[in-house]
Amino acid sequence: MALRPAQVNIKALDAPAVGRFWAEALGWHAYSPGVTTYVGPAGGLVWPDPVAVCIDVVPVPEPRTAAKNRVHLDLATTSAAHQAELVAQLKTLGATPADVGQGEVPWTVLTDPEGNEFCVLEPRETYRDTGPIAAVVVDCTDPRAMARFWGGALDWALHEVTDDHAVLRSAKGVGPYLEFLRTPGVKTAPDRVHLDLLPHPGDDKEAEVARLRALGATDLDLGQGEVPWTCLTDPEGHEFCVCALS
């Protein structure tokens, strides 16, 4: 038994607008099958996508706090020219340059129209085949502990683990990486960005949730009431949800 990341959940005051931004940013399409705005590859709404970790933008009434998100996206580029062109395009779409203390680095830090941080990376061989999302990056204090929890939670392969960095990716070698980066500070506010996980067909969702609790996950009450997904936090307090296959 194991789970896989199906989508990145982004909370927004204006979900359709934020969804359109991310669709343009990634070269994907925005779909509105219900209350949320789903962003995924062109060709019609496919959920879950067999390769990509897609985006679901969920409307909420509360604006984001000033605290930096502990989860963000890294976008892949294929050349220096592509990186410059993408950054320029994103700015015209409503992205804003951001200073998160990165100093002089070869990547560009931006925020989306509602202030969610993300990075446009310089071309890297590691991300040549990921698609437009190179990685989902999680700030943490102990990458080794995160590797133990998330390595046990997911069916993804562990590629690297050090005191500063842990990296997982689908065992099929497709889609983005999931990276845990040692970062100063601790989580102080709920994130606007989190992962939604899915069991595989035939696996029991409740059994998977029980397994996650045994690994160190904690139940999370956001006032969600009776819903078909289960809200949890990992051992460092990062929120995530286990969804049900429809």
Protein backbone atom coordinates (compact mmCIF):
# COMPACT_ATOMS: atom_id res chain seq x y z
CA MET A 1 0.00 0.00 0.00
CA ALA A 2 1.19 3.52 -0.77
CA LEU A 3 -0.06 6.89 -1.95
CA ARG A 4 0.99 9.24 -4.71
CA PRO A 5 0.80 13.02 -5.05
CA ALA A 6 -2.04 13.87 -7.45
CA GLN A 7 -2.15 17.66 -7.28
CA VAL A 8 -0.88 20.80 -5.62
CA ASN A 9 -3.74 22.54 -3.83
CA ILE A 10 -3.55 26.36 -3.86
CA LYS A 11 -6.03 28.44 -1.87
CA ALA A 12 -7.08 31.74 -3.47
CA LEU A 13 -9.53 34.59 -3.06
CA ASP A 14 -10.10 34.55 -6.83
CA ALA A 15 -9.63 30.94 -7.83
CA PRO A 16 -10.48 31.37 -11.54
CA ALA A 17 -7.97 34.22 -11.93
CA VAL A 18 -5.21 32.35 -10.12
CA GLY A 19 -6.05 29.25 -12.13
CA ARG A 20 -5.72 31.18 -15.39
CA PHE A 21 -2.36 32.55 -14.24
CA TRP A 22 -0.97 29.09 -13.54
CA ALA A 23 -2.40 27.68 -16.78
CA GLU A 24 -0.58 30.38 -18.76
CA ALA A 25 2.58 29.97 -16.66
CA LEU A 26 2.76 26.22 -17.26
CA GLY A 27 1.42 26.09 -20.81
CA TRP A 28 -1.53 24.05 -19.52
CA HIS A 29 -5.29 24.60 -19.51
CA ALA A 30 -7.62 25.72 -16.73
CA TYR A 31 -10.82 23.74 -16.21
CA SER A 32 -13.68 24.58 -13.85
CA PRO A 33 -15.56 21.30 -13.30
CA GLY A 34 -17.12 22.61 -10.10
CA VAL A 35 -16.23 25.03 -7.33
CA THR A 36 -12.48 24.74 -7.85
CA THR A 37 -10.31 25.55 -10.86
CA TYR A 38 -8.20 22.63 -12.04
CA VAL A 39 -5.03 23.29 -14.03
CA GLY A 40 -3.60 20.45 -16.08
CA PRO A 41 -2.13 19.53 -19.45
CA ALA A 42 -4.13 20.23 -22.58
CA GLY A 43 -6.36 17.56 -24.06
CA GLY A 44 -9.34 17.64 -21.74
CA LEU A 45 -9.77 17.23 -18.02
CA VAL A 46 -8.00 14.11 -16.79
CA TRP A 47 -7.93 13.45 -13.05
CA PRO A 48 -5.71 12.11 -11.78
CA ASP A 49 -3.22 12.78 -14.55
CA PRO A 50 -1.10 9.65 -15.12
CA VAL A 51 2.18 11.62 -15.27
CA ALA A 52 1.91 15.22 -14.08
CA VAL A 53 1.25 16.53 -10.60
CA CYS A 54 -1.40 19.10 -11.50
CA ILE A 55 -2.83 22.12 -9.66
CA ASP A 56 -6.23 22.62 -8.05
CA VAL A 57 -7.05 26.20 -7.06
CA VAL A 58 -9.62 26.32 -4.27
CA PRO A 59 -11.62 29.48 -3.41
CA VAL A 60 -11.38 30.66 0.21
CA PRO A 61 -12.66 33.86 1.86
CA GLU A 62 -9.52 34.64 3.87
CA PRO A 63 -6.53 36.49 2.36
CA ARG A 64 -3.11 34.98 2.86
CA THR A 65 -1.00 36.05 5.81
CA ALA A 66 2.39 37.75 5.53
CA ALA A 67 4.16 34.49 6.42
CA LYS A 68 6.14 32.85 3.62
CA ASN A 69 4.60 29.64 2.36
CA ARG A 70 6.54 26.55 3.40
CA VAL A 71 5.60 24.83 0.13
CA HIS A 72 6.31 26.25 -3.31
CA LEU A 73 6.79 25.26 -6.95
CA ASP A 74 10.00 25.34 -8.95
CA LEU A 75 9.46 25.78 -12.70
CA ALA A 76 11.80 24.17 -15.22
CA THR A 77 13.44 25.92 -18.17
CA THR A 78 15.47 24.56 -21.08
CA SER A 79 17.94 27.42 -21.69
CA ALA A 80 19.00 30.81 -20.38
CA ALA A 81 16.89 32.42 -23.09
CA HIS A 82 13.86 30.34 -22.12
CA GLN A 83 14.31 31.33 -18.47
CA ALA A 84 14.45 35.03 -19.34
CA GLU A 85 11.45 34.76 -21.67
CA LEU A 86 9.40 32.88 -19.09
CA VAL A 87 10.17 35.38 -16.33
CA ALA A 88 9.18 38.26 -18.61
CA GLN A 89 5.95 36.48 -19.61
CA LEU A 90 5.07 35.74 -15.98
CA LYS A 91 5.50 39.38 -15.03
CA THR A 92 3.07 40.42 -17.75
CA LEU A 93 0.60 37.86 -16.36
CA GLY A 94 0.76 39.39 -12.88
CA ALA A 95 3.78 37.80 -11.20
CA THR A 96 5.89 40.00 -8.91
CA PRO A 97 9.61 39.68 -8.06
CA ALA A 98 10.12 38.55 -4.47
CA ASP A 99 12.96 38.77 -1.98
CA VAL A 100 12.91 35.81 0.40
CA GLY A 101 16.55 36.27 1.37
CA GLN A 102 17.86 34.32 -1.60
CA GLY A 103 20.74 36.72 -2.36
CA GLU A 104 22.60 36.30 -5.66
CA VAL A 105 21.29 33.07 -7.20
CA PRO A 106 20.81 31.83 -10.77
CA TRP A 107 17.10 31.30 -10.34
CA THR A 108 14.37 33.96 -10.14
CA VAL A 109 11.95 34.16 -7.23
CA LEU A 110 8.46 35.47 -8.01
CA THR A 111 5.00 35.48 -6.47
CA ASP A 112 1.75 34.71 -8.24
CA PRO A 113 -1.05 37.33 -8.28
CA GLU A 114 -2.06 36.43 -4.72
CA GLY A 115 1.45 36.39 -3.28
CA ASN A 116 2.35 32.70 -3.39
CA GLU A 117 6.09 32.29 -3.89
CA PHE A 118 7.58 30.20 -6.69
CA CYS A 119 10.91 29.96 -8.52
CA VAL A 120 11.86 29.95 -12.19
CA LEU A 121 14.99 27.84 -12.31
CA GLU A 122 17.97 28.17 -14.58
CA PRO A 123 18.26 25.16 -16.94
CA ARG A 124 19.34 22.04 -15.05
CA GLU A 125 19.97 18.61 -16.52
CA THR A 126 18.16 16.98 -13.58
CA TYR A 127 14.86 18.56 -14.63
CA ARG A 128 15.12 18.03 -18.39
CA ASP A 129 12.17 15.59 -18.49
CA THR A 130 9.91 16.74 -15.65
CA GLY A 131 7.52 18.88 -17.64
CA PRO A 132 6.91 22.52 -16.67
CA ILE A 133 6.94 21.84 -12.91
CA ALA A 134 10.45 20.80 -11.96
CA ALA A 135 9.77 20.23 -8.29
CA VAL A 136 7.39 20.74 -5.40
CA VAL A 137 9.66 22.11 -2.67
CA VAL A 138 8.91 21.89 1.05
CA ASP A 139 10.81 23.97 3.62
CA CYS A 140 11.63 21.95 6.72
CA THR A 141 14.02 21.73 9.66
CA ASP A 142 14.96 18.04 9.26
CA PRO A 143 15.11 16.66 5.69
CA ARG A 144 16.13 13.22 6.95
CA ALA A 145 13.01 12.96 9.11
CA MET A 146 10.88 14.20 6.22
CA ALA A 147 12.46 11.57 3.96
CA ARG A 148 11.54 8.86 6.46
CA PHE A 149 7.92 10.00 6.71
CA TRP A 150 7.27 10.83 3.07
CA GLY A 151 9.33 7.91 1.82
CA GLY A 152 7.06 5.65 3.84
CA ALA A 153 3.91 7.50 2.82
CA LEU A 154 4.46 7.48 -0.95
CA ASP A 155 5.30 4.93 -3.60
CA TRP A 156 7.94 7.34 -4.93
CA ALA A 157 11.65 6.50 -4.98
CA LEU A 158 14.12 8.26 -2.69
CA HIS A 159 16.88 9.80 -4.84
CA GLU A 160 18.92 11.70 -2.25
CA VAL A 161 18.96 12.40 1.45
CA THR A 162 21.41 14.59 3.38
CA ASP A 163 21.19 16.87 6.39
CA ASP A 164 20.19 19.71 4.03
CA HIS A 165 18.16 18.13 1.25
CA ALA A 166 15.94 15.13 0.52
CA VAL A 167 14.58 14.27 -2.93
CA LEU A 168 11.87 11.85 -4.08
CA ARG A 169 10.38 11.16 -7.49
CA SER A 170 7.90 8.77 -9.03
CA ALA A 171 9.47 5.35 -9.37
CA LYS A 172 8.39 5.51 -13.03
CA GLY A 173 10.83 8.40 -13.58
CA VAL A 174 8.16 10.83 -14.76
CA GLY A 175 6.81 14.17 -13.60
CA PRO A 176 8.23 16.55 -10.99
CA TYR A 177 10.42 15.86 -7.98
CA LEU A 178 9.32 16.27 -4.37
CA GLU A 179 12.10 18.01 -2.45
CA PHE A 180 12.58 18.81 1.23
CA LEU A 181 14.94 21.69 1.84
CA ARG A 182 16.46 22.54 5.20
CA THR A 183 15.37 26.10 5.86
CA PRO A 184 15.78 28.42 8.86
CA GLY A 185 12.69 29.12 10.92
CA VAL A 186 9.66 27.02 11.66
CA LYS A 187 6.11 26.91 10.38
CA THR A 188 4.04 29.71 11.94
CA ALA A 189 0.84 29.83 9.86
CA PRO A 190 -1.27 27.52 7.68
CA ASP A 191 0.07 27.29 4.14
CA ARG A 192 -1.86 28.47 1.11
CA VAL A 193 -0.22 25.59 -0.79
CA HIS A 194 -0.30 21.90 0.05
CA LEU A 195 -0.23 18.45 -1.54
CA ASP A 196 -3.26 16.26 -2.19
CA LEU A 197 -2.50 12.53 -2.20
CA LEU A 198 -4.40 9.64 -3.76
CA PRO A 199 -4.51 5.91 -3.09
CA HIS A 200 -4.06 3.60 -6.04
CA PRO A 201 -7.11 1.86 -7.53
CA GLY A 202 -8.15 -0.99 -5.29
CA ASP A 203 -6.40 0.39 -2.20
CA ASP A 204 -8.48 1.37 0.82
CA LYS A 205 -8.33 5.07 1.67
CA GLU A 206 -9.05 4.62 5.36
CA ALA A 207 -6.35 1.96 5.65
CA GLU A 208 -3.93 4.37 4.01
CA VAL A 209 -4.89 7.13 6.44
CA ALA A 210 -4.35 4.76 9.38
CA ARG A 211 -0.93 3.86 7.98
CA LEU A 212 -0.02 7.55 7.74
CA ARG A 213 -1.00 8.11 11.36
CA ALA A 214 1.27 5.23 12.34
CA LEU A 215 4.10 6.92 10.42
CA GLY A 216 3.61 10.15 12.38
CA ALA A 217 0.81 12.07 10.64
CA THR A 218 -1.68 14.01 12.79
CA ASP A 219 -5.36 14.66 12.11
CA LEU A 220 -6.18 18.25 11.17
CA ASP A 221 -9.52 19.94 11.80
CA LEU A 222 -9.99 22.98 9.55
CA GLY A 223 -13.72 23.03 10.03
CA GLN A 224 -14.07 20.90 6.91
CA GLY A 225 -16.96 18.88 8.33
CA GLU A 226 -18.07 15.76 6.50
CA VAL A 227 -15.99 15.60 3.32
CA PRO A 228 -14.64 12.70 1.22
CA TRP A 229 -11.03 13.67 1.89
CA THR A 230 -8.99 13.47 5.10
CA CYS A 231 -6.90 16.42 6.31
CA LEU A 232 -3.61 15.61 8.03
CA THR A 233 -0.26 17.17 8.89
CA ASP A 234 3.16 15.59 8.57
CA PRO A 235 5.58 15.48 11.55
CA GLU A 236 6.64 19.11 10.94
CA GLY A 237 3.08 20.41 10.62
CA HIS A 238 2.79 20.66 6.81
CA GLU A 239 -0.83 20.22 5.84
CA PHE A 240 -1.86 17.65 3.23
CA CYS A 241 -5.01 15.81 2.23
CA VAL A 242 -5.75 12.21 1.27
CA CYS A 243 -8.45 12.26 -1.38
CA ALA A 244 -10.75 9.50 -2.55
CA LEU A 245 -10.81 8.17 -6.08
CA SER A 246 -14.20 8.97 -7.56
